[in-house]
């Protein structure tokens, strides 16, 4: 049943009183340049914060064998992070409410050229109501929200009347293996809430994601004899054209996929990185292209991978040069299925009440064509998986920023959701 007005007001007041510290904590998190493979220090910091707050601590590594044995496991590469996962658990005195997972990730994408930023990307600052910095929105604001929503309950004199797991993972930006590892470790609950920057809305459906690399070999010659060689970079562009054809074909199927019918371009193929050749005056003998593509919920990653390979093979067979030197395709990261959050769960209803109390507006839902760790909990734990968080701009771009006022509103909503979903018990009773 809904929490009382007195409890609700006490929690809202507690969030407000701790909010200045929450923003400073978020800035502290942003100062860690926790790109892939560089998350060890921030995980250590998060662990210390969990210990100070009295949570039970479980820290563990990603088990490659276990991940590779699961259909949702991302593909390992030499760049895969070795940073551990940490879970802090709140245990109630008497468990009468519903259990909950609160999850965040601390890995961030590279900042790109720093001279494109108005301020250094890992030196956070607040200006005109926005907190700037790489990872501030995606998703260190959410990491701080998890801590401070729980802190607010304590400040108001309560603790959740159910088990709550505060999970901090890595590899969200590249494989999704961190979240999957928590599932394989045995963590489960009645619902999960992940405060990604989702514009104060609830994600209704989410695509799956694949990462893959295409390597093309050419025939190197001096440029004066270019016609007798084969340019690997030129050939790679032709392969990209074939992949664009597959992208178009998948987008043309959107009417067959519930919740995606009205999304303008749900399937995005991104050519994220290209490198090749050794010398400006030599016809290049090699080219590697790193790609990311989305797939609809319900489509298995293995089936999408087969279509990708078949598309490239079919094109290569008709290409004058590639028919004799077929491209090599390697899947090297995300290998994940999408998900749909079915409407009507108690968790969504309660989040809706919490959102209305915090914002005065009804909770809206939308479809996002990006990867989310909620896929693990929706597909494998099979629990309501709520992705909901603050308004942001330029995530993965230059001058990434998150709305300070939106952080405040969504933290209130999170704290009220935790209180109603889990129930509360007075501290010391």
Protein backbone atom coordinates (compact mmCIF):
# COMPACT_ATOMS: atom_id res chain seq x y z
CA UNK A 1 0.00 0.00 0.00
CA UNK A 2 1.19 3.61 -0.51
CA UNK A 3 3.38 5.09 2.18
CA UNK A 4 1.83 7.64 4.52
CA UNK A 5 2.01 11.36 3.89
CA UNK A 6 4.21 11.77 6.97
CA UNK A 7 6.71 9.20 5.76
CA UNK A 8 6.64 10.63 2.22
CA UNK A 9 7.27 14.17 3.44
CA UNK A 10 10.07 13.03 5.75
CA UNK A 11 11.82 11.27 2.86
CA UNK A 12 11.44 14.23 0.50
CA UNK A 13 12.86 16.54 3.17
CA UNK A 14 15.76 14.14 3.74
CA UNK A 15 16.64 14.11 0.03
CA UNK A 16 16.62 17.92 0.01
CA UNK A 17 18.88 18.15 3.06
CA UNK A 18 21.44 15.80 1.54
CA UNK A 19 21.30 17.15 -1.99
CA UNK A 20 24.27 19.52 -1.86
CA UNK A 21 26.44 16.63 -0.63
CA UNK A 22 24.98 14.42 -3.36
CA UNK A 23 26.10 16.81 -6.11
CA UNK A 24 29.59 17.01 -4.59
CA UNK A 25 29.68 13.20 -4.42
CA UNK A 26 28.70 13.04 -8.10
CA UNK A 27 31.53 15.42 -8.95
CA UNK A 28 33.94 13.19 -7.04
CA UNK A 29 32.85 10.22 -9.14
CA UNK A 30 33.30 12.17 -12.38
CA UNK A 31 36.90 12.98 -11.43
CA UNK A 32 37.78 9.29 -11.81
CA UNK A 33 38.70 8.81 -15.51
CA UNK A 34 37.11 5.37 -15.44
CA UNK A 35 37.26 4.42 -19.09
CA UNK A 36 37.28 0.74 -19.99
CA UNK A 37 40.04 -1.03 -18.10
CA UNK A 38 40.65 1.93 -15.79
CA UNK A 39 37.84 1.38 -13.28
CA UNK A 40 39.84 -0.19 -10.44
CA UNK A 41 40.25 3.02 -8.44
CA UNK A 42 36.61 4.04 -8.63
CA UNK A 43 35.48 0.53 -7.67
CA UNK A 44 37.78 0.76 -4.64
CA UNK A 45 36.24 4.13 -3.76
CA UNK A 46 32.69 2.79 -4.13
CA UNK A 47 33.56 -0.21 -1.96
CA UNK A 48 34.87 2.06 0.79
CA UNK A 49 31.68 4.13 0.64
CA UNK A 50 29.56 0.98 0.96
CA UNK A 51 31.61 -0.18 3.94
CA UNK A 52 31.20 3.19 5.66
CA UNK A 53 27.43 2.91 5.23
CA UNK A 54 27.35 -0.54 6.82
CA UNK A 55 26.40 -2.68 3.83
CA UNK A 56 27.45 -6.31 3.51
CA UNK A 57 30.18 -6.40 0.85
CA UNK A 58 30.70 -8.92 -1.91
CA UNK A 59 33.45 -8.13 -4.41
CA UNK A 60 34.16 -10.52 -7.26
CA UNK A 61 35.74 -10.75 -10.69
CA UNK A 62 34.03 -11.42 -13.99
CA UNK A 63 34.27 -15.16 -14.62
CA UNK A 64 35.13 -15.55 -18.30
CA UNK A 65 34.20 -19.23 -18.42
CA UNK A 66 30.78 -18.57 -16.91
CA UNK A 67 30.13 -15.62 -19.22
CA UNK A 68 31.18 -17.53 -22.34
CA UNK A 69 28.85 -20.35 -21.34
CA UNK A 70 25.80 -18.08 -21.35
CA UNK A 71 23.91 -17.02 -24.48
CA UNK A 72 23.86 -13.39 -23.35
CA UNK A 73 27.58 -13.14 -22.72
CA UNK A 74 29.51 -10.46 -24.57
CA UNK A 75 32.58 -11.49 -26.51
CA UNK A 76 35.92 -11.08 -24.77
CA UNK A 77 38.82 -9.18 -26.31
CA UNK A 78 42.18 -7.95 -25.09
CA UNK A 79 40.49 -4.69 -24.03
CA UNK A 80 38.03 -6.39 -21.65
CA UNK A 81 38.10 -4.85 -18.18
CA UNK A 82 39.59 -6.77 -15.28
CA UNK A 83 38.08 -4.49 -12.64
CA UNK A 84 35.90 -6.30 -10.08
CA UNK A 85 32.19 -5.94 -9.42
CA UNK A 86 31.05 -4.87 -5.97
CA UNK A 87 27.67 -5.49 -4.38
CA UNK A 88 26.60 -3.90 -1.11
CA UNK A 89 23.59 -5.55 0.52
CA UNK A 90 21.14 -4.14 3.05
CA UNK A 91 19.59 -6.84 5.21
CA UNK A 92 16.43 -5.90 7.14
CA UNK A 93 15.77 -7.12 10.66
CA UNK A 94 12.48 -8.64 9.52
CA UNK A 95 11.91 -9.02 5.79
CA UNK A 96 8.30 -8.09 5.12
CA UNK A 97 8.64 -6.09 1.89
CA UNK A 98 9.69 -6.87 -1.65
CA UNK A 99 13.37 -7.22 -2.50
CA UNK A 100 15.16 -4.85 -4.87
CA UNK A 101 18.30 -4.50 -6.96
CA UNK A 102 19.68 -0.99 -7.53
CA UNK A 103 22.37 -1.05 -10.20
CA UNK A 104 24.79 1.39 -11.76
CA UNK A 105 27.89 1.16 -13.92
CA UNK A 106 31.09 3.14 -13.43
CA UNK A 107 32.75 2.57 -16.81
CA UNK A 108 32.57 5.56 -19.16
CA UNK A 109 33.31 6.02 -22.85
CA UNK A 110 36.43 7.89 -24.04
CA UNK A 111 36.20 11.67 -24.03
CA UNK A 112 37.53 12.26 -27.54
CA UNK A 113 39.69 15.33 -28.26
CA UNK A 114 39.79 17.38 -25.08
CA UNK A 115 40.12 20.64 -27.02
CA UNK A 116 36.53 20.14 -28.19
CA UNK A 117 35.27 20.39 -24.59
CA UNK A 118 34.52 23.72 -22.93
CA UNK A 119 36.25 22.36 -19.79
CA UNK A 120 38.46 19.28 -19.30
CA UNK A 121 36.13 16.27 -19.40
CA UNK A 122 37.14 14.84 -16.02
CA UNK A 123 37.02 18.18 -14.19
CA UNK A 124 33.29 18.45 -13.36
CA UNK A 125 31.60 21.81 -12.96
CA UNK A 126 28.07 23.14 -12.63
CA UNK A 127 26.87 25.92 -14.91
CA UNK A 128 23.35 27.21 -15.59
CA UNK A 129 21.78 24.26 -13.81
CA UNK A 130 23.80 21.55 -15.58
CA UNK A 131 26.55 19.34 -14.19
CA UNK A 132 29.20 18.84 -16.89
CA UNK A 133 31.76 16.06 -17.25
CA UNK A 134 32.39 12.75 -18.98
CA UNK A 135 30.22 10.13 -17.34
CA UNK A 136 28.36 12.64 -15.19
CA UNK A 137 25.11 11.71 -16.89
CA UNK A 138 26.04 8.20 -18.08
CA UNK A 139 25.85 7.26 -15.33
CA UNK A 140 27.67 8.61 -12.30
CA UNK A 141 24.72 10.80 -11.38
CA UNK A 142 22.77 7.54 -11.15
CA UNK A 143 25.49 5.91 -9.04
CA UNK A 144 25.25 8.79 -6.59
CA UNK A 145 21.44 8.63 -6.66
CA UNK A 146 21.50 5.03 -5.49
CA UNK A 147 23.64 5.93 -2.48
CA UNK A 148 21.78 9.11 -1.59
CA UNK A 149 18.26 7.73 -2.08
CA UNK A 150 19.13 5.04 0.46
CA UNK A 151 20.87 7.64 2.65
CA UNK A 152 17.70 9.76 2.58
CA UNK A 153 15.64 6.93 4.01
CA UNK A 154 18.16 6.58 6.82
CA UNK A 155 18.23 10.34 7.42
CA UNK A 156 14.42 10.27 7.68
CA UNK A 157 14.65 7.55 10.32
CA UNK A 158 13.89 4.49 8.19
CA UNK A 159 15.49 1.54 6.42
CA UNK A 160 13.96 -0.70 3.76
CA UNK A 161 11.97 -3.60 5.18
CA UNK A 162 13.42 -5.93 2.55
CA UNK A 163 16.76 -6.97 1.16
CA UNK A 164 18.32 -4.40 -1.20
CA UNK A 165 21.40 -5.03 -3.35
CA UNK A 166 23.42 -1.99 -4.45
CA UNK A 167 25.32 -3.33 -7.47
CA UNK A 168 28.19 -1.49 -9.13
CA UNK A 169 29.36 -3.03 -12.40
CA UNK A 170 31.78 -2.46 -15.26
CA UNK A 171 31.64 -3.40 -18.97
CA UNK A 172 28.21 -1.79 -19.45
CA UNK A 173 29.56 0.28 -22.33
CA UNK A 174 31.14 -2.62 -24.21
CA UNK A 175 29.80 -6.11 -23.41
CA UNK A 176 27.17 -6.02 -20.66
CA UNK A 177 29.16 -8.73 -18.90
CA UNK A 178 29.25 -6.94 -15.55
CA UNK A 179 25.49 -7.05 -15.07
CA UNK A 180 25.33 -10.59 -16.44
CA UNK A 181 27.94 -11.64 -13.91
CA UNK A 182 25.75 -10.49 -11.01
CA UNK A 183 23.02 -12.78 -12.33
CA UNK A 184 25.48 -15.67 -12.70
CA UNK A 185 26.71 -14.95 -9.18
CA UNK A 186 23.17 -15.63 -7.96
CA UNK A 187 21.86 -12.15 -7.21
CA UNK A 188 18.11 -11.88 -7.59
CA UNK A 189 15.22 -9.74 -6.35
CA UNK A 190 11.58 -8.93 -7.00
CA UNK A 191 12.48 -5.93 -9.19
CA UNK A 192 15.45 -3.89 -10.41
CA UNK A 193 15.84 -0.13 -10.85
CA UNK A 194 18.69 1.28 -12.94
CA UNK A 195 18.89 5.12 -12.95
CA UNK A 196 20.33 5.66 -16.41
CA UNK A 197 19.75 9.16 -17.86
CA UNK A 198 16.37 8.48 -19.47
CA UNK A 199 14.81 11.97 -19.49
CA UNK A 200 12.59 11.28 -16.44
CA UNK A 201 10.81 8.54 -18.39
CA UNK A 202 10.57 4.78 -18.12
CA UNK A 203 12.11 2.63 -20.84
CA UNK A 204 9.39 0.40 -22.29
CA UNK A 205 11.50 -1.51 -24.80
CA UNK A 206 15.16 -1.66 -25.69
CA UNK A 207 17.16 -3.05 -28.59
CA UNK A 208 19.81 -5.70 -28.40
CA UNK A 209 23.33 -4.86 -29.48
CA UNK A 210 26.21 -6.52 -31.32
CA UNK A 211 29.78 -5.37 -31.73
CA UNK A 212 31.86 -6.79 -34.54
CA UNK A 213 35.01 -6.09 -36.51
CA UNK A 214 35.49 -6.60 -40.24
CA UNK A 215 39.05 -7.08 -41.48
CA UNK A 216 39.81 -6.67 -45.16
CA UNK A 217 43.12 -7.56 -46.80
CA UNK A 218 44.33 -5.76 -49.94
CA UNK A 219 47.11 -6.16 -52.46
CA UNK A 220 49.89 -3.63 -51.70
CA UNK A 221 51.75 -1.92 -54.54
CA UNK A 222 53.35 1.47 -55.14
CA UNK A 223 50.75 4.09 -55.96
CA UNK A 224 52.28 4.53 -59.44
CA UNK A 225 50.97 1.00 -60.14
CA UNK A 226 47.75 1.37 -58.19
CA UNK A 227 45.64 -0.29 -60.85
CA UNK A 228 47.49 -3.57 -60.39
CA UNK A 229 46.91 -3.63 -56.61
CA UNK A 230 43.82 -3.72 -54.39
CA UNK A 231 43.12 -1.02 -51.84
CA UNK A 232 41.90 -2.60 -48.58
CA UNK A 233 40.40 0.67 -47.36
CA UNK A 234 38.39 1.12 -50.55
CA UNK A 235 37.23 -2.49 -50.25
CA UNK A 236 36.18 -1.90 -46.63
CA UNK A 237 33.98 0.99 -47.76
CA UNK A 238 32.26 -1.35 -50.19
CA UNK A 239 31.61 -3.81 -47.36
CA UNK A 240 30.17 -0.98 -45.27
CA UNK A 241 27.79 -0.25 -48.13
CA UNK A 242 26.55 -3.84 -48.01
CA UNK A 243 26.04 -3.58 -44.26
CA UNK A 244 24.03 -0.38 -44.79
CA UNK A 245 21.76 -2.48 -46.99
CA UNK A 246 21.19 -4.90 -44.10
CA UNK A 247 20.52 -1.94 -41.79
CA UNK A 248 17.88 -0.67 -44.22
CA UNK A 249 16.28 -4.10 -44.46
CA UNK A 250 16.03 -4.44 -40.68
CA UNK A 251 14.56 -0.95 -40.32
CA UNK A 252 11.98 -1.79 -42.95
CA UNK A 253 10.72 -4.55 -40.61
CA UNK A 254 9.91 -2.21 -37.71
CA UNK A 255 6.14 -2.51 -38.19
CA UNK A 256 6.49 -6.18 -37.22
CA UNK A 257 8.01 -5.33 -33.84
CA UNK A 258 5.78 -4.14 -31.01
CA UNK A 259 6.66 -0.72 -29.56
CA UNK A 260 9.04 0.01 -32.44
CA UNK A 261 6.42 0.75 -35.10
CA UNK A 262 6.65 4.52 -34.65
CA UNK A 263 10.38 4.81 -33.92
CA UNK A 264 11.89 6.68 -36.85
CA UNK A 265 15.07 4.61 -37.19
CA UNK A 266 15.24 1.89 -34.51
CA UNK A 267 18.12 -0.08 -36.00
CA UNK A 268 21.33 1.91 -36.12
CA UNK A 269 24.56 0.62 -37.61
CA UNK A 270 27.49 2.67 -36.36
CA UNK A 271 30.91 2.59 -37.98
CA UNK A 272 32.70 3.45 -34.78
CA UNK A 273 36.33 3.01 -35.72
CA UNK A 274 38.33 2.45 -38.87
CA UNK A 275 42.06 1.97 -39.29
CA UNK A 276 44.24 0.67 -42.05
CA UNK A 277 47.27 1.02 -44.23
CA UNK A 278 50.88 1.73 -43.44
CA UNK A 279 52.05 4.45 -45.80
CA UNK A 280 50.41 7.27 -47.77
CA UNK A 281 52.22 6.27 -50.96
CA UNK A 282 51.48 2.54 -50.68
CA UNK A 283 48.18 0.93 -51.64
CA UNK A 284 46.99 -0.33 -48.21
CA UNK A 285 47.18 -4.04 -47.58
CA UNK A 286 44.84 -4.06 -44.59
CA UNK A 287 41.86 -2.29 -43.07
CA UNK A 288 39.87 -3.01 -39.89
CA UNK A 289 36.42 -1.57 -39.27
CA UNK A 290 34.74 -1.71 -35.84
CA UNK A 291 30.95 -1.69 -35.97
CA UNK A 292 27.97 -1.64 -33.65
CA UNK A 293 24.47 -2.61 -34.74
CA UNK A 294 21.12 -2.91 -32.95
CA UNK A 295 18.62 -5.78 -33.17
CA UNK A 296 14.96 -5.98 -32.19
CA UNK A 297 13.80 -7.66 -28.97
CA UNK A 298 13.09 -11.31 -29.62
CA UNK A 299 15.87 -11.63 -32.17
CA UNK A 300 18.70 -13.84 -30.95
CA UNK A 301 22.18 -12.43 -31.16
CA UNK A 302 23.43 -15.62 -32.78
CA UNK A 303 20.83 -15.27 -35.55
CA UNK A 304 21.72 -11.62 -36.15
CA UNK A 305 25.41 -12.54 -36.26
CA UNK A 306 24.65 -15.14 -38.90
CA UNK A 307 22.81 -12.56 -41.01
CA UNK A 308 25.74 -10.16 -40.73
CA UNK A 309 28.21 -12.80 -41.84
CA UNK A 310 25.93 -13.97 -44.65
CA UNK A 311 25.47 -10.39 -45.88
CA UNK A 312 29.22 -9.82 -46.03
CA UNK A 313 29.88 -13.20 -47.65
CA UNK A 314 27.20 -12.67 -50.29
CA UNK A 315 28.56 -9.26 -51.16
CA UNK A 316 32.16 -10.47 -51.24
CA UNK A 317 31.25 -13.28 -53.63
CA UNK A 318 30.12 -10.68 -56.20
CA UNK A 319 33.02 -8.28 -55.69
CA UNK A 320 35.87 -8.53 -58.21
CA UNK A 321 38.58 -8.50 -55.56
CA UNK A 322 36.84 -9.69 -52.38
CA UNK A 323 35.63 -12.86 -54.08
CA UNK A 324 39.28 -13.97 -53.95
CA UNK A 325 40.00 -12.52 -50.48
CA UNK A 326 36.93 -12.76 -48.27
CA UNK A 327 36.71 -10.36 -45.28
CA UNK A 328 37.16 -11.78 -41.79
CA UNK A 329 34.33 -11.02 -39.33
CA UNK A 330 35.00 -11.16 -35.58
CA UNK A 331 32.41 -10.47 -32.88
CA UNK A 332 34.29 -8.64 -30.15
CA UNK A 333 31.91 -7.09 -27.61
CA UNK A 334 28.16 -6.85 -27.09
CA UNK A 335 26.27 -9.99 -28.10
CA UNK A 336 22.97 -9.20 -26.44
CA UNK A 337 19.26 -9.56 -27.02
CA UNK A 338 16.81 -6.70 -26.47
CA UNK A 339 13.85 -6.73 -24.10
CA UNK A 340 10.31 -5.45 -23.58
CA UNK A 341 9.02 -4.31 -20.21
CA UNK A 342 5.39 -5.36 -20.30
CA UNK A 343 3.01 -2.69 -18.95
CA UNK A 344 1.01 -3.20 -15.80
CA UNK A 345 3.48 -4.46 -13.19
CA UNK A 346 3.21 -3.35 -9.56
CA UNK A 347 6.73 -2.02 -9.84
CA UNK A 348 5.76 0.32 -12.67
CA UNK A 349 2.64 1.46 -10.80
CA UNK A 350 4.66 2.30 -7.70
CA UNK A 351 7.34 4.10 -9.71
CA UNK A 352 4.53 6.06 -11.35
CA UNK A 353 3.23 7.19 -7.95
CA UNK A 354 6.74 8.13 -6.85
CA UNK A 355 7.39 10.07 -10.05
CA UNK A 356 4.10 11.97 -9.70
CA UNK A 357 4.92 12.89 -6.12
CA UNK A 358 8.38 14.15 -7.17
CA UNK A 359 7.44 15.97 -10.37
CA UNK A 360 3.69 16.56 -10.37
CA UNK A 361 3.51 14.78 -13.75
CA UNK A 362 2.38 11.33 -14.87
CA UNK A 363 5.19 8.91 -15.71
CA UNK A 364 5.72 8.50 -19.45
CA UNK A 365 7.43 5.60 -21.18
CA UNK A 366 9.40 5.40 -24.41
CA UNK A 367 11.52 3.13 -26.56
CA UNK A 368 15.28 3.60 -26.80
CA UNK A 369 17.55 2.22 -29.54
CA UNK A 370 20.56 1.95 -27.20
CA UNK A 371 21.91 -0.83 -24.97
CA UNK A 372 20.74 -1.12 -21.35
CA UNK A 373 21.77 -3.56 -18.62
CA UNK A 374 18.07 -4.01 -17.79
CA UNK A 375 18.11 -6.71 -20.47
CA UNK A 376 19.86 -9.07 -18.01
CA UNK A 377 17.20 -8.77 -15.33
CA UNK A 378 14.22 -8.75 -17.70
CA UNK A 379 15.40 -11.71 -19.77
CA UNK A 380 17.20 -13.91 -17.24
CA UNK A 381 16.08 -12.95 -13.71
CA UNK A 382 12.65 -12.40 -15.31
CA UNK A 383 11.76 -9.55 -12.96
CA UNK A 384 10.31 -6.09 -13.68
CA UNK A 385 13.29 -4.06 -14.90
CA UNK A 386 12.87 -0.32 -14.52
CA UNK A 387 15.25 2.03 -16.29
CA UNK A 388 14.47 5.58 -15.17
CA UNK A 389 16.69 8.57 -14.51
CA UNK A 390 17.47 12.24 -15.02
CA UNK A 391 17.44 14.51 -18.04
CA UNK A 392 20.77 14.70 -19.86
CA UNK A 393 22.41 16.00 -23.01
CA UNK A 394 25.38 14.90 -25.10
CA UNK A 395 26.03 11.51 -23.51
CA UNK A 396 28.92 9.87 -25.41
CA UNK A 397 29.50 13.32 -26.93
CA UNK A 398 31.30 16.56 -26.16
CA UNK A 399 30.27 18.52 -23.04
CA UNK A 400 28.17 15.69 -21.64
CA UNK A 401 25.86 17.15 -19.02
CA UNK A 402 23.02 16.26 -16.68
CA UNK A 403 20.32 18.52 -15.24
CA UNK A 404 20.88 19.22 -11.55
CA UNK A 405 17.20 19.88 -10.94
CA UNK A 406 16.30 16.63 -12.70
CA UNK A 407 18.78 14.76 -10.50
CA UNK A 408 16.93 16.17 -7.48
CA UNK A 409 13.49 15.21 -8.79
CA UNK A 410 14.44 11.70 -9.83
CA UNK A 411 16.32 11.06 -6.56
CA UNK A 412 13.13 11.92 -4.69
CA UNK A 413 11.22 9.55 -6.95
CA UNK A 414 13.80 6.79 -6.38
CA UNK A 415 13.71 7.19 -2.60
CA UNK A 416 9.90 7.11 -2.54
CA UNK A 417 9.89 4.08 -4.84
CA UNK A 418 12.29 2.19 -2.57
CA UNK A 419 10.19 3.05 0.47
CA UNK A 420 6.92 1.85 -1.05
CA UNK A 421 8.29 -1.15 -2.94
CA UNK A 422 10.34 -2.51 -0.06
CA UNK A 423 8.33 -1.09 2.80
CA UNK A 424 10.13 0.66 5.62
CA UNK A 425 10.93 -0.02 9.23
CA UNK A 426 11.97 2.60 11.76
CA UNK A 427 15.66 2.59 12.66
CA UNK A 428 16.27 1.12 16.09
CA UNK A 429 12.89 -0.54 16.50
